[in-house]
Amino acid sequence: MAAKGKAGTKFTFYPGCSSQGSSLHLDESIRAVAPEIGLELEELDDWNCCGASVGRIGGGQLPNMTLTGRNLAKAQGQGKQDVVTACAACYLNTHGGNEKIKKDVKLRAGVNEALAEADLSYDDDLQVRHMCEVIVNDIGVDKIKSRVKNPLKGLKVAGYVGCQTVRPFAGTDDGGKYDTYEDPNFLDDFAEACGAEAVEFDVKTNCCGGSVAVMSPERTLHLIKRIVEAAVEAGADVISTPCPLCQTNVEMYQDAINKKYGTNHQIPVVFYSQLMAVAFGMDAKKDAALHRNTIRSEKLEAMAKK
């Protein structure tokens, strides 16, 4: 693992599938703010799905591990630097898969047998890390503060972490011990470093329904409703999240919640990196990608550089 506070470290960046569609605004804003805080991201060449979308559909463990193994083999070819991803599901699958492959000799052999069909192998000991953990452990909140040119004064932010970013790895040695499972503070720290106010938000690690919300939203609307209402009750102007699926679910289903429960919620759901881009005085569209949010934040957009 890279040394704590060593800004400027180079990472192999794994964007993941959602970066090509539903979370373009996470991908674009991450790439914009990374060099501002000393992160050099080299995109993983010819990457594939981590398996979050397709790897669990039959076939057992090996196919899913081979998807992870292929990405790690490609990363191995790009150097010894740590692999970093901003997507919670990609982190869960790739980090978890990597640890299993490294610790299970039989599994590694099976993965490498499959990879050999494409003239690839994974025999290294790479570390897979989450972008938020890297920011906490390698960069530090003070670095974020030092880059702020446009403080988000008066913006109230509810930090919604979701399930996968901190479970099950955050409190472990392998996960960098960067925060707790039940009451993580890193999103609040990011918001406050940007000059915003982090509101009390006691559902920050509640489940939004995950992929079940995509397939059967009627089964998860009550979960999303609780998250939205907690943010509204706390007086938040926006909900901030690190997770692409959380962002999509909590934003996309507010109309359905309003229809079913007779509410009138329209609270924007943004990525922490969008807040950083605005606070760093970067362009609202090109860097912060605020135009990609379905529920637009008039207050945040009014603060942004045009």
C-alpha atoms as a PDB file:
ATOM      1  CA  MET A   1       0.000   0.000   0.000  1.00  0.00           C
ATOM      2  CA  ALA A   2       1.250   3.462  -0.775  1.00  0.00           C
ATOM      3  CA  ALA A   3       2.527   5.496   2.154  1.00  0.00           C
ATOM      4  CA  LYS A   4       0.027   7.700   3.933  1.00  0.00           C
ATOM      5  CA  GLY A   5       0.246  11.298   2.812  1.00  0.00           C
ATOM      6  CA  LYS A   6       2.296  10.514  -0.298  1.00  0.00           C
ATOM      7  CA  ALA A   7       0.454  12.742  -2.763  1.00  0.00           C
ATOM      8  CA  GLY A   8       1.505  12.351  -6.361  1.00  0.00           C
ATOM      9  CA  THR A   9       1.450   8.547  -6.297  1.00  0.00           C
ATOM     10  CA  LYS A  10       0.606   6.906  -9.595  1.00  0.00           C
ATOM     11  CA  PHE A  11      -2.286   4.441  -9.710  1.00  0.00           C
ATOM     12  CA  THR A  12      -3.756   2.106 -12.290  1.00  0.00           C
ATOM     13  CA  PHE A  13      -7.318   3.364 -12.595  1.00  0.00           C
ATOM     14  CA  TYR A  14     -10.139   0.885 -13.184  1.00  0.00           C
ATOM     15  CA  PRO A  15     -13.248   2.889 -14.253  1.00  0.00           C
ATOM     16  CA  GLY A  16     -15.808   0.054 -14.399  1.00  0.00           C
ATOM     17  CA  CYS A  17     -18.892  -0.325 -16.569  1.00  0.00           C
ATOM     18  CA  SER A  18     -21.049   2.368 -14.973  1.00  0.00           C
ATOM     19  CA  SER A  19     -18.431   4.975 -15.900  1.00  0.00           C
ATOM     20  CA  GLN A  20     -19.528   4.529 -19.496  1.00  0.00           C
ATOM     21  CA  GLY A  21     -23.174   5.388 -18.818  1.00  0.00           C
ATOM     22  CA  SER A  22     -25.094   5.988 -15.617  1.00  0.00           C
ATOM     23  CA  SER A  23     -22.146   7.426 -13.690  1.00  0.00           C
ATOM     24  CA  LEU A  24     -20.351   9.424 -16.339  1.00  0.00           C
ATOM     25  CA  HIS A  25     -20.510  12.360 -13.930  1.00  0.00           C
ATOM     26  CA  LEU A  26     -18.521  10.399 -11.326  1.00  0.00           C
ATOM     27  CA  ASP A  27     -15.904   9.385 -13.887  1.00  0.00           C
ATOM     28  CA  GLU A  28     -15.551  12.859 -15.376  1.00  0.00           C
ATOM     29  CA  SER A  29     -15.373  14.655 -12.041  1.00  0.00           C
ATOM     30  CA  ILE A  30     -12.905  12.123 -10.577  1.00  0.00           C
ATOM     31  CA  ARG A  31     -10.591  12.554 -13.556  1.00  0.00           C
ATOM     32  CA  ALA A  32     -10.890  16.331 -13.197  1.00  0.00           C
ATOM     33  CA  VAL A  33     -10.124  16.600  -9.477  1.00  0.00           C
ATOM     34  CA  ALA A  34      -7.489  13.826  -9.235  1.00  0.00           C
ATOM     35  CA  PRO A  35      -4.541  15.902 -10.515  1.00  0.00           C
ATOM     36  CA  GLU A  36      -5.666  18.813  -8.350  1.00  0.00           C
ATOM     37  CA  ILE A  37      -5.037  16.730  -5.225  1.00  0.00           C
ATOM     38  CA  GLY A  38      -1.932  14.978  -6.493  1.00  0.00           C
ATOM     39  CA  LEU A  39      -3.301  11.740  -7.925  1.00  0.00           C
ATOM     40  CA  GLU A  40      -1.947  10.423 -11.215  1.00  0.00           C
ATOM     41  CA  LEU A  41      -4.405   7.980 -12.762  1.00  0.00           C
ATOM     42  CA  GLU A  42      -3.346   5.710 -15.606  1.00  0.00           C
ATOM     43  CA  GLU A  43      -6.424   3.981 -17.005  1.00  0.00           C
ATOM     44  CA  LEU A  44      -6.352   0.197 -17.047  1.00  0.00           C
ATOM     45  CA  ASP A  45      -5.903  -0.836 -20.662  1.00  0.00           C
ATOM     46  CA  ASP A  46      -8.630  -2.990 -22.263  1.00  0.00           C
ATOM     47  CA  TRP A  47     -10.470  -3.520 -18.978  1.00  0.00           C
ATOM     48  CA  ASN A  48     -13.576  -5.694 -18.628  1.00  0.00           C
ATOM     49  CA  CYS A  49     -16.622  -5.910 -16.344  1.00  0.00           C
ATOM     50  CA  CYS A  50     -15.711  -6.839 -12.758  1.00  0.00           C
ATOM     51  CA  GLY A  51     -18.602  -9.306 -12.607  1.00  0.00           C
ATOM     52  CA  ALA A  52     -20.998  -7.216 -10.562  1.00  0.00           C
ATOM     53  CA  SER A  53     -23.484  -7.264 -13.420  1.00  0.00           C
ATOM     54  CA  VAL A  54     -22.953 -10.694 -14.940  1.00  0.00           C
ATOM     55  CA  GLY A  55     -20.563 -12.707 -12.817  1.00  0.00           C
ATOM     56  CA  ARG A  56     -23.180 -14.132 -10.440  1.00  0.00           C
ATOM     57  CA  ILE A  57     -25.379 -15.631 -13.150  1.00  0.00           C
ATOM     58  CA  GLY A  58     -24.523 -19.321 -12.932  1.00  0.00           C
ATOM     59  CA  GLY A  59     -21.202 -21.057 -13.426  1.00  0.00           C
ATOM     60  CA  GLY A  60     -19.953 -20.874  -9.848  1.00  0.00           C
ATOM     61  CA  GLN A  61     -17.033 -18.865  -8.464  1.00  0.00           C
ATOM     62  CA  LEU A  62     -14.440 -19.383 -11.193  1.00  0.00           C
ATOM     63  CA  PRO A  63     -16.035 -17.325 -14.002  1.00  0.00           C
ATOM     64  CA  ASN A  64     -16.457 -14.338 -11.695  1.00  0.00           C
ATOM     65  CA  MET A  65     -12.901 -14.672 -10.382  1.00  0.00           C
ATOM     66  CA  THR A  66     -11.594 -14.941 -13.936  1.00  0.00           C
ATOM     67  CA  LEU A  67     -13.196 -11.600 -14.831  1.00  0.00           C
ATOM     68  CA  THR A  68     -11.346 -10.089 -11.894  1.00  0.00           C
ATOM     69  CA  GLY A  69      -8.217 -12.034 -12.753  1.00  0.00           C
ATOM     70  CA  ARG A  70      -8.149 -10.696 -16.301  1.00  0.00           C
ATOM     71  CA  ASN A  71      -8.268  -7.101 -15.062  1.00  0.00           C
ATOM     72  CA  LEU A  72      -5.512  -7.833 -12.555  1.00  0.00           C
ATOM     73  CA  ALA A  73      -3.393  -9.522 -15.211  1.00  0.00           C
ATOM     74  CA  LYS A  74      -3.771  -6.460 -17.431  1.00  0.00           C
ATOM     75  CA  ALA A  75      -2.892  -4.222 -14.474  1.00  0.00           C
ATOM     76  CA  GLN A  76       0.157  -6.347 -13.737  1.00  0.00           C
ATOM     77  CA  GLY A  77       1.327  -5.597 -17.271  1.00  0.00           C
ATOM     78  CA  GLN A  78       1.151  -1.865 -16.558  1.00  0.00           C
ATOM     79  CA  GLY A  79       3.420  -1.914 -13.513  1.00  0.00           C
ATOM     80  CA  LYS A  80       3.537  -2.527  -9.780  1.00  0.00           C
ATOM     81  CA  GLN A  81       1.372   0.445  -8.747  1.00  0.00           C
ATOM     82  CA  ASP A  82      -1.843  -0.076  -6.787  1.00  0.00           C
ATOM     83  CA  VAL A  83      -5.124  -0.462  -8.641  1.00  0.00           C
ATOM     84  CA  VAL A  84      -7.797   2.074  -7.676  1.00  0.00           C
ATOM     85  CA  THR A  85     -11.485   2.254  -8.528  1.00  0.00           C
ATOM     86  CA  ALA A  86     -14.172   4.797  -7.690  1.00  0.00           C
ATOM     87  CA  CYS A  87     -17.098   2.382  -8.041  1.00  0.00           C
ATOM     88  CA  ALA A  88     -18.340   0.612  -4.907  1.00  0.00           C
ATOM     89  CA  ALA A  89     -19.369  -2.572  -6.747  1.00  0.00           C
ATOM     90  CA  CYS A  90     -16.108  -2.689  -8.710  1.00  0.00           C
ATOM     91  CA  TYR A  91     -14.212  -2.271  -5.453  1.00  0.00           C
ATOM     92  CA  LEU A  92     -16.208  -4.979  -3.690  1.00  0.00           C
ATOM     93  CA  ASN A  93     -15.693  -7.486  -6.516  1.00  0.00           C
ATOM     94  CA  THR A  94     -12.148  -6.597  -7.557  1.00  0.00           C
ATOM     95  CA  HIS A  95     -10.675  -6.080  -4.101  1.00  0.00           C
ATOM     96  CA  GLY A  96     -12.470  -9.105  -2.665  1.00  0.00           C
ATOM     97  CA  GLY A  97     -11.600 -11.243  -5.674  1.00  0.00           C
ATOM     98  CA  ASN A  98      -7.975 -10.172  -5.554  1.00  0.00           C
ATOM     99  CA  GLU A  99      -7.642 -11.154  -1.903  1.00  0.00           C
ATOM    100  CA  LYS A 100      -9.214 -14.554  -2.601  1.00  0.00           C
ATOM    101  CA  ILE A 101      -6.976 -15.207  -5.597  1.00  0.00           C
ATOM    102  CA  LYS A 102      -3.850 -14.231  -3.666  1.00  0.00           C
ATOM    103  CA  LYS A 103      -4.695 -16.425  -0.666  1.00  0.00           C
ATOM    104  CA  ASP A 104      -6.100 -19.515  -2.451  1.00  0.00           C
ATOM    105  CA  VAL A 105      -3.460 -21.386  -4.458  1.00  0.00           C
ATOM    106  CA  LYS A 106      -6.032 -23.658  -6.093  1.00  0.00           C
ATOM    107  CA  LEU A 107      -8.248 -20.747  -7.117  1.00  0.00           C
ATOM    108  CA  ARG A 108      -5.303 -18.824  -8.569  1.00  0.00           C
ATOM    109  CA  ALA A 109      -4.335 -21.897 -10.589  1.00  0.00           C
ATOM    110  CA  GLY A 110      -7.878 -22.191 -11.970  1.00  0.00           C
ATOM    111  CA  VAL A 111      -8.004 -18.504 -12.849  1.00  0.00           C
ATOM    112  CA  ASN A 112      -4.630 -18.671 -14.566  1.00  0.00           C
ATOM    113  CA  GLU A 113      -5.658 -21.777 -16.493  1.00  0.00           C
ATOM    114  CA  ALA A 114      -8.608 -19.809 -17.893  1.00  0.00           C
ATOM    115  CA  LEU A 115      -6.476 -16.713 -18.523  1.00  0.00           C
ATOM    116  CA  ALA A 116      -3.925 -18.775 -20.420  1.00  0.00           C
ATOM    117  CA  GLU A 117      -6.444 -19.053 -23.266  1.00  0.00           C
ATOM    118  CA  ALA A 118      -5.814 -15.343 -23.843  1.00  0.00           C
ATOM    119  CA  ASP A 119      -2.057 -15.576 -23.156  1.00  0.00           C
ATOM    120  CA  LEU A 120      -2.485 -13.866 -19.790  1.00  0.00           C
ATOM    121  CA  SER A 121      -1.608 -14.749 -16.209  1.00  0.00           C
ATOM    122  CA  TYR A 122      -1.775 -13.097 -12.812  1.00  0.00           C
ATOM    123  CA  ASP A 123       1.105 -13.997 -10.531  1.00  0.00           C
ATOM    124  CA  ASP A 124       1.714 -10.658  -8.834  1.00  0.00           C
ATOM    125  CA  ASP A 125       0.615  -9.309  -5.452  1.00  0.00           C
ATOM    126  CA  LEU A 126      -1.187  -6.104  -6.453  1.00  0.00           C
ATOM    127  CA  GLN A 127      -3.278  -4.043  -4.050  1.00  0.00           C
ATOM    128  CA  VAL A 128      -6.803  -2.993  -5.061  1.00  0.00           C
ATOM    129  CA  ARG A 129      -8.098   0.128  -3.337  1.00  0.00           C
ATOM    130  CA  HIS A 130     -11.133   2.397  -3.257  1.00  0.00           C
ATOM    131  CA  MET A 131     -10.711   5.991  -4.387  1.00  0.00           C
ATOM    132  CA  CYS A 132     -12.113   7.336  -1.105  1.00  0.00           C
ATOM    133  CA  GLU A 133      -9.643   5.266   0.909  1.00  0.00           C
ATOM    134  CA  VAL A 134      -6.792   6.611  -1.226  1.00  0.00           C
ATOM    135  CA  ILE A 135      -7.985  10.174  -0.679  1.00  0.00           C
ATOM    136  CA  VAL A 136      -8.209   9.615   3.088  1.00  0.00           C
ATOM    137  CA  ASN A 137      -4.964   7.659   3.578  1.00  0.00           C
ATOM    138  CA  ASP A 138      -2.658   8.973   0.846  1.00  0.00           C
ATOM    139  CA  ILE A 139      -3.895  12.492   0.198  1.00  0.00           C
ATOM    140  CA  GLY A 140      -5.602  13.700   3.354  1.00  0.00           C
ATOM    141  CA  VAL A 141      -8.407  16.159   3.964  1.00  0.00           C
ATOM    142  CA  ASP A 142      -5.957  19.035   4.375  1.00  0.00           C
ATOM    143  CA  LYS A 143      -4.914  18.651   0.743  1.00  0.00           C
ATOM    144  CA  ILE A 144      -8.539  19.037  -0.318  1.00  0.00           C
ATOM    145  CA  LYS A 145      -8.838  22.187   1.791  1.00  0.00           C
ATOM    146  CA  SER A 146      -5.664  23.603   0.263  1.00  0.00           C
ATOM    147  CA  ARG A 147      -7.123  23.340  -3.266  1.00  0.00           C
ATOM    148  CA  VAL A 148     -10.425  25.059  -2.475  1.00  0.00           C
ATOM    149  CA  LYS A 149     -10.825  28.350  -4.362  1.00  0.00           C
ATOM    150  CA  ASN A 150     -14.594  28.510  -4.246  1.00  0.00           C
ATOM    151  CA  PRO A 151     -15.821  27.412  -0.784  1.00  0.00           C
ATOM    152  CA  LEU A 152     -19.305  25.873  -0.787  1.00  0.00           C
ATOM    153  CA  LYS A 153     -20.431  28.124   2.034  1.00  0.00           C
ATOM    154  CA  GLY A 154     -24.099  27.689   2.915  1.00  0.00           C
ATOM    155  CA  LEU A 155     -24.498  24.342   1.125  1.00  0.00           C
ATOM    156  CA  LYS A 156     -25.868  21.636   3.434  1.00  0.00           C
ATOM    157  CA  VAL A 157     -24.777  18.127   2.483  1.00  0.00           C
ATOM    158  CA  ALA A 158     -26.084  14.721   3.631  1.00  0.00           C
ATOM    159  CA  GLY A 159     -23.285  12.190   3.170  1.00  0.00           C
ATOM    160  CA  TYR A 160     -24.813   8.901   2.008  1.00  0.00           C
ATOM    161  CA  VAL A 161     -22.122   6.216   1.932  1.00  0.00           C
ATOM    162  CA  GLY A 162     -24.299   3.196   1.173  1.00  0.00           C
ATOM    163  CA  CYS A 163     -23.389  -0.430   1.841  1.00  0.00           C
ATOM    164  CA  GLN A 164     -20.553  -1.547  -0.390  1.00  0.00           C
ATOM    165  CA  THR A 165     -17.989   1.222  -0.008  1.00  0.00           C
ATOM    166  CA  VAL A 166     -17.345   0.343   3.645  1.00  0.00           C
ATOM    167  CA  ARG A 167     -18.547  -3.249   3.940  1.00  0.00           C
ATOM    168  CA  PRO A 168     -16.802  -5.549   4.527  1.00  0.00           C
ATOM    169  CA  PHE A 169     -13.323  -4.089   4.014  1.00  0.00           C
ATOM    170  CA  ALA A 170     -13.134  -0.535   5.399  1.00  0.00           C
ATOM    171  CA  GLY A 171     -12.130  -1.402   8.952  1.00  0.00           C
ATOM    172  CA  THR A 172      -9.612  -4.080   7.968  1.00  0.00           C
ATOM    173  CA  ASP A 173      -5.898  -3.994   7.217  1.00  0.00           C
ATOM    174  CA  ASP A 174      -6.616  -5.043   3.622  1.00  0.00           C
ATOM    175  CA  GLY A 175      -9.132  -2.196   3.327  1.00  0.00           C
ATOM    176  CA  GLY A 176      -6.769   0.454   4.630  1.00  0.00           C
ATOM    177  CA  LYS A 177      -8.637   0.942   7.941  1.00  0.00           C
ATOM    178  CA  TYR A 178      -9.804   4.279   6.623  1.00  0.00           C
ATOM    179  CA  ASP A 179     -13.174   4.431   8.405  1.00  0.00           C
ATOM    180  CA  THR A 180     -15.769   2.461  10.335  1.00  0.00           C
ATOM    181  CA  TYR A 181     -18.564   0.241   9.047  1.00  0.00           C
ATOM    182  CA  GLU A 182     -21.510   1.776  10.870  1.00  0.00           C
ATOM    183  CA  ASP A 183     -20.694   5.470  11.200  1.00  0.00           C
ATOM    184  CA  PRO A 184     -18.142   6.494   8.567  1.00  0.00           C
ATOM    185  CA  ASN A 185     -17.193  10.166   8.496  1.00  0.00           C
ATOM    186  CA  PHE A 186     -15.152  10.518   5.321  1.00  0.00           C
ATOM    187  CA  LEU A 187     -17.968  12.023   3.216  1.00  0.00           C
ATOM    188  CA  ASP A 188     -18.691  14.550   5.954  1.00  0.00           C
ATOM    189  CA  ASP A 189     -14.983  15.375   6.064  1.00  0.00           C
ATOM    190  CA  PHE A 190     -14.872  15.835   2.284  1.00  0.00           C
ATOM    191  CA  ALA A 191     -17.913  18.136   2.330  1.00  0.00           C
ATOM    192  CA  GLU A 192     -16.551  20.252   5.164  1.00  0.00           C
ATOM    193  CA  ALA A 193     -13.140  20.456   3.483  1.00  0.00           C
ATOM    194  CA  CYS A 194     -14.970  21.955   0.507  1.00  0.00           C
ATOM    195  CA  GLY A 195     -16.533  24.606   2.760  1.00  0.00           C
ATOM    196  CA  ALA A 196     -19.983  23.010   2.947  1.00  0.00           C
ATOM    197  CA  GLU A 197     -21.916  21.991   6.061  1.00  0.00           C
ATOM    198  CA  ALA A 198     -22.276  18.256   6.721  1.00  0.00           C
ATOM    199  CA  VAL A 199     -25.673  17.624   8.305  1.00  0.00           C
ATOM    200  CA  GLU A 200     -26.483  14.894  10.803  1.00  0.00           C
ATOM    201  CA  PHE A 201     -27.559  11.865   8.785  1.00  0.00           C
ATOM    202  CA  ASP A 202     -28.182   8.640  10.677  1.00  0.00           C
ATOM    203  CA  VAL A 203     -28.996   6.482   7.635  1.00  0.00           C
ATOM    204  CA  LYS A 204     -25.657   7.017   5.909  1.00  0.00           C
ATOM    205  CA  THR A 205     -24.961   3.287   5.507  1.00  0.00           C
ATOM    206  CA  ASN A 206     -28.526   2.080   4.927  1.00  0.00           C
ATOM    207  CA  CYS A 207     -29.142  -0.020   1.826  1.00  0.00           C
ATOM    208  CA  CYS A 208     -30.859   1.658  -1.137  1.00  0.00           C
ATOM    209  CA  GLY A 209     -31.919  -1.692  -2.563  1.00  0.00           C
ATOM    210  CA  GLY A 210     -28.932  -2.086  -4.842  1.00  0.00           C
ATOM    211  CA  SER A 211     -29.561  -4.056  -8.011  1.00  0.00           C
ATOM    212  CA  VAL A 212     -32.942  -5.205  -6.671  1.00  0.00           C
ATOM    213  CA  ALA A 213     -34.124  -1.604  -7.089  1.00  0.00           C
ATOM    214  CA  VAL A 214     -33.246  -1.774 -10.778  1.00  0.00           C
ATOM    215  CA  MET A 215     -35.096  -5.046 -11.366  1.00  0.00           C
ATOM    216  CA  SER A 216     -37.981  -4.713  -8.904  1.00  0.00           C
ATOM    217  CA  PRO A 217     -38.189  -1.097  -7.718  1.00  0.00           C
ATOM    218  CA  GLU A 218     -41.534  -1.623  -5.978  1.00  0.00           C
ATOM    219  CA  ARG A 219     -39.720  -3.834  -3.454  1.00  0.00           C
ATOM    220  CA  THR A 220     -37.203  -1.150  -2.513  1.00  0.00           C
ATOM    221  CA  LEU A 221     -39.039   2.190  -2.684  1.00  0.00           C
ATOM    222  CA  HIS A 222     -39.508   2.171   1.080  1.00  0.00           C
ATOM    223  CA  LEU A 223     -35.742   1.878   1.544  1.00  0.00           C
ATOM    224  CA  ILE A 224     -35.005   4.810  -0.747  1.00  0.00           C
ATOM    225  CA  LYS A 225     -37.832   6.819   0.797  1.00  0.00           C
ATOM    226  CA  ARG A 226     -36.208   6.553   4.212  1.00  0.00           C
ATOM    227  CA  ILE A 227     -32.882   7.842   2.833  1.00  0.00           C
ATOM    228  CA  VAL A 228     -34.491  10.763   0.991  1.00  0.00           C
ATOM    229  CA  GLU A 229     -36.714  11.742   3.907  1.00  0.00           C
ATOM    230  CA  ALA A 230     -33.821  11.629   6.375  1.00  0.00           C
ATOM    231  CA  ALA A 231     -31.894  14.050   4.162  1.00  0.00           C
ATOM    232  CA  VAL A 232     -34.906  16.349   3.795  1.00  0.00           C
ATOM    233  CA  GLU A 233     -35.566  16.306   7.542  1.00  0.00           C
ATOM    234  CA  ALA A 234     -31.913  17.169   8.173  1.00  0.00           C
ATOM    235  CA  GLY A 235     -32.286  20.244   5.967  1.00  0.00           C
ATOM    236  CA  ALA A 236     -29.844  19.024   3.309  1.00  0.00           C
ATOM    237  CA  ASP A 237     -29.611  20.835  -0.014  1.00  0.00           C
ATOM    238  CA  VAL A 238     -27.978  17.799  -1.643  1.00  0.00           C
ATOM    239  CA  ILE A 239     -27.177  14.180  -0.901  1.00  0.00           C
ATOM    240  CA  SER A 240     -23.547  13.254  -1.594  1.00  0.00           C
ATOM    241  CA  THR A 241     -22.485   9.685  -2.334  1.00  0.00           C
ATOM    242  CA  PRO A 242     -19.459   7.718  -3.606  1.00  0.00           C
ATOM    243  CA  CYS A 243     -21.526   4.882  -5.121  1.00  0.00           C
ATOM    244  CA  PRO A 244     -22.826   4.874  -8.725  1.00  0.00           C
ATOM    245  CA  LEU A 245     -25.750   2.557  -7.983  1.00  0.00           C
ATOM    246  CA  CYS A 246     -26.731   4.479  -4.843  1.00  0.00           C
ATOM    247  CA  GLN A 247     -26.657   7.708  -6.821  1.00  0.00           C
ATOM    248  CA  THR A 248     -28.826   6.266  -9.588  1.00  0.00           C
ATOM    249  CA  ASN A 249     -31.371   4.647  -7.272  1.00  0.00           C
ATOM    250  CA  VAL A 250     -31.829   7.518  -4.834  1.00  0.00           C
ATOM    251  CA  GLU A 251     -32.116  10.061  -7.637  1.00  0.00           C
ATOM    252  CA  MET A 252     -34.085   8.060 -10.191  1.00  0.00           C
ATOM    253  CA  TYR A 253     -36.889   6.759  -7.960  1.00  0.00           C
ATOM    254  CA  GLN A 254     -37.939   9.954  -6.222  1.00  0.00           C
ATOM    255  CA  ASP A 255     -40.811  10.442  -8.685  1.00  0.00           C
ATOM    256  CA  ALA A 256     -42.030   6.896  -8.013  1.00  0.00           C
ATOM    257  CA  ILE A 257     -41.820   7.523  -4.259  1.00  0.00           C
ATOM    258  CA  ASN A 258     -43.782  10.739  -4.626  1.00  0.00           C
ATOM    259  CA  LYS A 259     -46.479   8.951  -6.625  1.00  0.00           C
ATOM    260  CA  LYS A 260     -46.801   6.029  -4.214  1.00  0.00           C
ATOM    261  CA  TYR A 261     -46.586   7.925  -0.923  1.00  0.00           C
ATOM    262  CA  GLY A 262     -48.020  11.308  -1.879  1.00  0.00           C
ATOM    263  CA  THR A 263     -44.756  13.129  -1.169  1.00  0.00           C
ATOM    264  CA  ASN A 264     -43.053  15.838  -3.192  1.00  0.00           C
ATOM    265  CA  HIS A 265     -39.339  15.107  -2.896  1.00  0.00           C
ATOM    266  CA  GLN A 266     -36.840  16.420  -5.439  1.00  0.00           C
ATOM    267  CA  ILE A 267     -33.488  16.467  -3.641  1.00  0.00           C
ATOM    268  CA  PRO A 268     -30.360  16.347  -5.827  1.00  0.00           C
ATOM    269  CA  VAL A 269     -27.980  13.401  -5.406  1.00  0.00           C
ATOM    270  CA  VAL A 270     -24.402  14.245  -6.372  1.00  0.00           C
ATOM    271  CA  PHE A 271     -21.003  12.608  -6.163  1.00  0.00           C
ATOM    272  CA  TYR A 272     -18.436  13.873  -3.656  1.00  0.00           C
ATOM    273  CA  SER A 273     -16.084  14.527  -6.573  1.00  0.00           C
ATOM    274  CA  GLN A 274     -18.630  16.910  -8.115  1.00  0.00           C
ATOM    275  CA  LEU A 275     -18.592  18.905  -4.877  1.00  0.00           C
ATOM    276  CA  MET A 276     -14.797  18.985  -5.004  1.00  0.00           C
ATOM    277  CA  ALA A 277     -14.746  20.162  -8.613  1.00  0.00           C
ATOM    278  CA  VAL A 278     -17.053  23.077  -7.815  1.00  0.00           C
ATOM    279  CA  ALA A 279     -15.094  23.935  -4.664  1.00  0.00           C
ATOM    280  CA  PHE A 280     -11.837  23.837  -6.625  1.00  0.00           C
ATOM    281  CA  GLY A 281     -13.262  26.508  -8.939  1.00  0.00           C
ATOM    282  CA  MET A 282     -13.449  24.171 -11.919  1.00  0.00           C
ATOM    283  CA  ASP A 283     -15.915  24.263 -14.791  1.00  0.00           C
ATOM    284  CA  ALA A 284     -19.512  23.286 -13.930  1.00  0.00           C
ATOM    285  CA  LYS A 285     -19.972  21.176 -17.059  1.00  0.00           C
ATOM    286  CA  LYS A 286     -16.585  19.988 -18.255  1.00  0.00           C
ATOM    287  CA  ASP A 287     -15.189  19.150 -14.807  1.00  0.00           C
ATOM    288  CA  ALA A 288     -18.041  18.897 -12.297  1.00  0.00           C
ATOM    289  CA  ALA A 289     -20.442  17.382 -14.878  1.00  0.00           C
ATOM    290  CA  LEU A 290     -23.414  18.894 -13.039  1.00  0.00           C
ATOM    291  CA  HIS A 291     -25.449  18.813 -16.248  1.00  0.00           C
ATOM    292  CA  ARG A 292     -25.550  15.013 -16.031  1.00  0.00           C
ATOM    293  CA  ASN A 293     -27.603  14.928 -12.829  1.00  0.00           C
ATOM    294  CA  THR A 294     -31.258  14.131 -13.451  1.00  0.00           C
ATOM    295  CA  ILE A 295     -32.347  16.235 -10.468  1.00  0.00           C
ATOM    296  CA  ARG A 296     -30.325  19.412 -10.870  1.00  0.00           C
ATOM    297  CA  SER A 297     -29.088  21.343  -7.856  1.00  0.00           C
ATOM    298  CA  GLU A 298     -29.816  24.995  -8.511  1.00  0.00           C
ATOM    299  CA  LYS A 299     -27.940  25.980  -5.373  1.00  0.00           C
ATOM    300  CA  LEU A 300     -24.763  24.067  -6.263  1.00  0.00           C
ATOM    301  CA  GLU A 301     -24.911  25.142  -9.903  1.00  0.00           C
ATOM    302  CA  ALA A 302     -25.230  28.772  -8.827  1.00  0.00           C
ATOM    303  CA  MET A 303     -21.956  28.345  -6.907  1.00  0.00           C
ATOM    304  CA  ALA A 304     -20.110  26.762  -9.836  1.00  0.00           C
ATOM    305  CA  LYS A 305     -17.814  28.383 -12.349  1.00  0.00           C
ATOM    306  CA  LYS A 306     -19.544  28.731 -15.699  1.00  0.00           C
END
